[in-house]
Amino acid sequence: MDKPSLHGQEYRTASTLYSVDGKRAAAVLEFRSGEAYLDEQEWVEGTTFKNRHSGDLVGPFASPEDAEKFIAATSWFRGDLK
C-alpha cells in the first residue's frame, strides 16, 4: 500500500529532538490532519545535518507525542547502531 502524498500539505514543527551526542536529530512535524511525521537527520560536520531516508518522512503517528516516544526508543537515535 502506498503512502498518501504529503506534498503541499500544511504542517508545523511541533518539536525537534537531538540525540545525547548531538549527532542525530528528528523534527516532529504535525500536519493539519493531526497526524505527525518525523524528519530524521544525521550530523555531517560543523552545523550541517543531512536527511536520512533520502528526505522521506517517517510515519504517520497519531500525535506528536507518539512520534517523540517512537524516535526516542529507536537504536538509531540512541546511537546503538554502528
N, C-alpha and C. Protein backbone atom coordinates (compact mmCIF):
# COMPACT_ATOMS: atom_id res chain seq x y z
N MET A 1 0.83 -1.17 0.00
CA MET A 1 0.00 0.00 0.00
C MET A 1 0.88 1.24 0.00
N ASP A 2 0.64 2.16 -0.91
CA ASP A 2 1.42 3.39 -1.00
C ASP A 2 0.97 4.39 0.05
N LYS A 3 1.95 5.15 0.55
CA LYS A 3 1.63 6.22 1.50
C LYS A 3 1.00 7.37 0.72
N PRO A 4 0.04 8.06 1.32
CA PRO A 4 -0.51 9.23 0.65
C PRO A 4 0.55 10.33 0.56
N SER A 5 0.49 11.13 -0.47
CA SER A 5 1.45 12.21 -0.65
C SER A 5 1.21 13.33 0.37
N LEU A 6 2.27 13.83 0.93
CA LEU A 6 2.18 14.94 1.86
C LEU A 6 2.54 16.25 1.17
N HIS A 7 2.90 16.16 -0.10
CA HIS A 7 3.33 17.33 -0.87
C HIS A 7 2.24 18.40 -0.85
N GLY A 8 2.61 19.61 -0.45
CA GLY A 8 1.70 20.74 -0.44
C GLY A 8 0.81 20.84 0.79
N GLN A 9 0.88 19.87 1.69
CA GLN A 9 0.04 19.93 2.89
C GLN A 9 0.70 20.81 3.96
N GLU A 10 -0.12 21.51 4.70
CA GLU A 10 0.39 22.39 5.75
C GLU A 10 0.77 21.59 6.99
N TYR A 11 1.86 22.02 7.63
CA TYR A 11 2.30 21.39 8.87
C TYR A 11 3.01 22.43 9.72
N ARG A 12 3.22 22.06 10.97
CA ARG A 12 4.04 22.88 11.87
C ARG A 12 5.09 21.97 12.49
N THR A 13 6.22 22.53 12.84
CA THR A 13 7.23 21.77 13.56
C THR A 13 6.86 21.82 15.04
N ALA A 14 6.40 20.67 15.55
CA ALA A 14 5.97 20.60 16.94
C ALA A 14 7.16 20.61 17.89
N SER A 15 8.25 19.96 17.48
CA SER A 15 9.47 19.92 18.30
C SER A 15 10.61 19.37 17.45
N THR A 16 11.80 19.55 17.94
CA THR A 16 12.98 18.93 17.33
C THR A 16 13.77 18.28 18.47
N LEU A 17 14.01 17.00 18.32
CA LEU A 17 14.75 16.24 19.33
C LEU A 17 16.17 15.98 18.82
N TYR A 18 17.14 16.06 19.73
CA TYR A 18 18.53 15.77 19.40
C TYR A 18 19.01 14.62 20.27
N SER A 19 19.82 13.74 19.68
CA SER A 19 20.39 12.64 20.45
C SER A 19 21.35 13.20 21.49
N VAL A 20 21.66 12.41 22.50
CA VAL A 20 22.54 12.83 23.59
C VAL A 20 23.88 13.31 23.05
N ASP A 21 24.42 12.63 22.03
CA ASP A 21 25.72 13.02 21.48
C ASP A 21 25.61 14.11 20.42
N GLY A 22 24.39 14.55 20.11
CA GLY A 22 24.19 15.63 19.15
C GLY A 22 24.38 15.25 17.70
N LYS A 23 24.53 13.96 17.40
CA LYS A 23 24.80 13.53 16.02
C LYS A 23 23.56 13.14 15.24
N ARG A 24 22.41 13.09 15.90
CA ARG A 24 21.16 12.75 15.23
C ARG A 24 20.08 13.72 15.69
N ALA A 25 19.21 14.07 14.75
CA ALA A 25 18.11 14.98 15.05
C ALA A 25 16.84 14.45 14.41
N ALA A 26 15.72 14.76 15.03
CA ALA A 26 14.43 14.37 14.47
C ALA A 26 13.44 15.51 14.70
N ALA A 27 13.00 16.12 13.61
CA ALA A 27 11.96 17.14 13.70
C ALA A 27 10.62 16.43 13.69
N VAL A 28 9.75 16.78 14.63
CA VAL A 28 8.41 16.22 14.70
C VAL A 28 7.49 17.20 14.00
N LEU A 29 6.94 16.76 12.88
CA LEU A 29 6.08 17.61 12.06
C LEU A 29 4.62 17.21 12.26
N GLU A 30 3.79 18.16 12.65
CA GLU A 30 2.37 17.89 12.86
C GLU A 30 1.58 18.50 11.69
N PHE A 31 0.89 17.64 10.96
CA PHE A 31 0.13 18.09 9.80
C PHE A 31 -1.27 18.50 10.21
N ARG A 32 -1.90 19.27 9.36
CA ARG A 32 -3.24 19.79 9.63
C ARG A 32 -4.22 18.67 9.95
N SER A 33 -4.00 17.49 9.40
CA SER A 33 -4.87 16.33 9.63
C SER A 33 -4.76 15.82 11.07
N GLY A 34 -3.73 16.28 11.79
CA GLY A 34 -3.49 15.82 13.16
C GLY A 34 -2.43 14.73 13.23
N GLU A 35 -2.10 14.14 12.08
CA GLU A 35 -1.05 13.11 12.07
C GLU A 35 0.32 13.77 12.18
N ALA A 36 1.25 13.02 12.74
CA ALA A 36 2.62 13.52 12.90
C ALA A 36 3.58 12.62 12.14
N TYR A 37 4.66 13.22 11.68
CA TYR A 37 5.71 12.51 10.96
C TYR A 37 7.05 12.98 11.50
N LEU A 38 8.07 12.17 11.30
CA LEU A 38 9.42 12.50 11.71
C LEU A 38 10.29 12.80 10.50
N ASP A 39 11.08 13.85 10.59
CA ASP A 39 12.09 14.17 9.59
C ASP A 39 13.43 13.90 10.27
N GLU A 40 14.01 12.74 9.98
CA GLU A 40 15.25 12.31 10.64
C GLU A 40 16.46 12.83 9.90
N GLN A 41 17.46 13.29 10.67
CA GLN A 41 18.68 13.83 10.09
C GLN A 41 19.90 13.35 10.87
N GLU A 42 21.01 13.23 10.14
CA GLU A 42 22.28 12.83 10.75
C GLU A 42 23.32 13.92 10.56
N TRP A 43 24.16 14.11 11.58
CA TRP A 43 25.19 15.12 11.54
C TRP A 43 26.26 14.75 10.52
N VAL A 44 26.71 15.75 9.76
CA VAL A 44 27.78 15.56 8.78
C VAL A 44 29.06 16.20 9.30
N GLU A 45 29.02 17.51 9.53
CA GLU A 45 30.16 18.24 10.10
C GLU A 45 29.70 19.65 10.46
N GLY A 46 30.42 20.28 11.36
CA GLY A 46 30.07 21.64 11.77
C GLY A 46 28.62 21.70 12.25
N THR A 47 27.83 22.50 11.57
CA THR A 47 26.40 22.61 11.90
C THR A 47 25.53 22.00 10.80
N THR A 48 26.13 21.13 9.99
CA THR A 48 25.42 20.55 8.85
C THR A 48 24.87 19.17 9.16
N PHE A 49 23.59 19.00 8.91
CA PHE A 49 22.91 17.72 9.03
C PHE A 49 22.39 17.33 7.65
N LYS A 50 22.33 16.02 7.37
CA LYS A 50 21.74 15.57 6.10
C LYS A 50 20.53 14.70 6.42
N ASN A 51 19.55 14.78 5.53
CA ASN A 51 18.33 14.00 5.72
C ASN A 51 18.60 12.51 5.59
N ARG A 52 17.95 11.76 6.44
CA ARG A 52 18.00 10.31 6.40
C ARG A 52 16.86 9.84 5.50
N HIS A 53 16.92 8.68 4.96
CA HIS A 53 15.86 8.11 4.11
C HIS A 53 15.62 8.96 2.86
N SER A 54 16.67 9.57 2.34
CA SER A 54 16.56 10.42 1.14
C SER A 54 15.51 11.51 1.30
N GLY A 55 15.31 11.96 2.53
CA GLY A 55 14.36 13.03 2.79
C GLY A 55 12.94 12.58 3.02
N ASP A 56 12.65 11.27 2.87
CA ASP A 56 11.30 10.78 3.15
C ASP A 56 11.01 10.88 4.64
N LEU A 57 9.78 11.19 4.95
CA LEU A 57 9.37 11.29 6.35
C LEU A 57 8.98 9.93 6.89
N VAL A 58 9.10 9.75 8.20
CA VAL A 58 8.74 8.51 8.87
C VAL A 58 7.39 8.73 9.57
N GLY A 59 6.45 7.85 9.35
CA GLY A 59 5.14 7.97 9.97
C GLY A 59 4.08 7.37 9.08
N PRO A 60 2.86 7.58 9.38
CA PRO A 60 2.31 8.56 10.30
C PRO A 60 2.20 8.03 11.73
N PHE A 61 2.13 8.99 12.66
CA PHE A 61 1.88 8.72 14.06
C PHE A 61 0.60 9.46 14.44
N ALA A 62 -0.09 8.96 15.43
CA ALA A 62 -1.37 9.54 15.83
C ALA A 62 -1.21 10.94 16.43
N SER A 63 -0.03 11.22 16.99
CA SER A 63 0.19 12.52 17.63
C SER A 63 1.69 12.82 17.68
N PRO A 64 2.06 14.09 17.90
CA PRO A 64 3.47 14.41 18.07
C PRO A 64 4.10 13.65 19.24
N GLU A 65 3.34 13.45 20.30
CA GLU A 65 3.85 12.72 21.46
C GLU A 65 4.20 11.28 21.11
N ASP A 66 3.35 10.65 20.29
CA ASP A 66 3.64 9.28 19.85
C ASP A 66 4.90 9.24 19.00
N ALA A 67 5.08 10.24 18.15
CA ALA A 67 6.28 10.31 17.30
C ALA A 67 7.53 10.47 18.17
N GLU A 68 7.45 11.33 19.19
CA GLU A 68 8.59 11.54 20.08
C GLU A 68 8.95 10.26 20.84
N LYS A 69 7.95 9.57 21.34
CA LYS A 69 8.20 8.31 22.05
C LYS A 69 8.85 7.28 21.13
N PHE A 70 8.37 7.21 19.89
CA PHE A 70 8.91 6.25 18.93
C PHE A 70 10.39 6.53 18.67
N ILE A 71 10.72 7.76 18.30
CA ILE A 71 12.10 8.04 17.91
C ILE A 71 13.05 7.90 19.09
N ALA A 72 12.63 8.30 20.28
CA ALA A 72 13.49 8.19 21.46
C ALA A 72 13.82 6.74 21.80
N ALA A 73 12.98 5.81 21.36
CA ALA A 73 13.19 4.39 21.68
C ALA A 73 13.98 3.65 20.60
N THR A 74 14.30 4.31 19.48
CA THR A 74 15.00 3.60 18.40
C THR A 74 16.49 3.49 18.67
N SER A 75 17.06 2.39 18.23
CA SER A 75 18.52 2.18 18.35
C SER A 75 19.28 3.25 17.58
N TRP A 76 18.76 3.63 16.41
CA TRP A 76 19.43 4.64 15.59
C TRP A 76 19.57 5.96 16.38
N PHE A 77 18.48 6.43 16.97
CA PHE A 77 18.51 7.71 17.68
C PHE A 77 19.37 7.64 18.93
N ARG A 78 19.35 6.53 19.63
CA ARG A 78 20.17 6.36 20.83
C ARG A 78 21.64 6.16 20.51
N GLY A 79 21.97 5.88 19.23
CA GLY A 79 23.35 5.69 18.84
C GLY A 79 23.86 4.27 19.04
N ASP A 80 22.92 3.31 19.21
CA ASP A 80 23.30 1.92 19.42
C ASP A 80 23.75 1.21 18.13
N LEU A 81 23.42 1.79 16.98
CA LEU A 81 23.79 1.17 15.70
C LEU A 81 25.12 1.75 15.25
N LYS A 82 25.97 0.91 14.78
CA LYS A 82 27.28 1.37 14.30
C LYS A 82 27.33 1.31 12.80
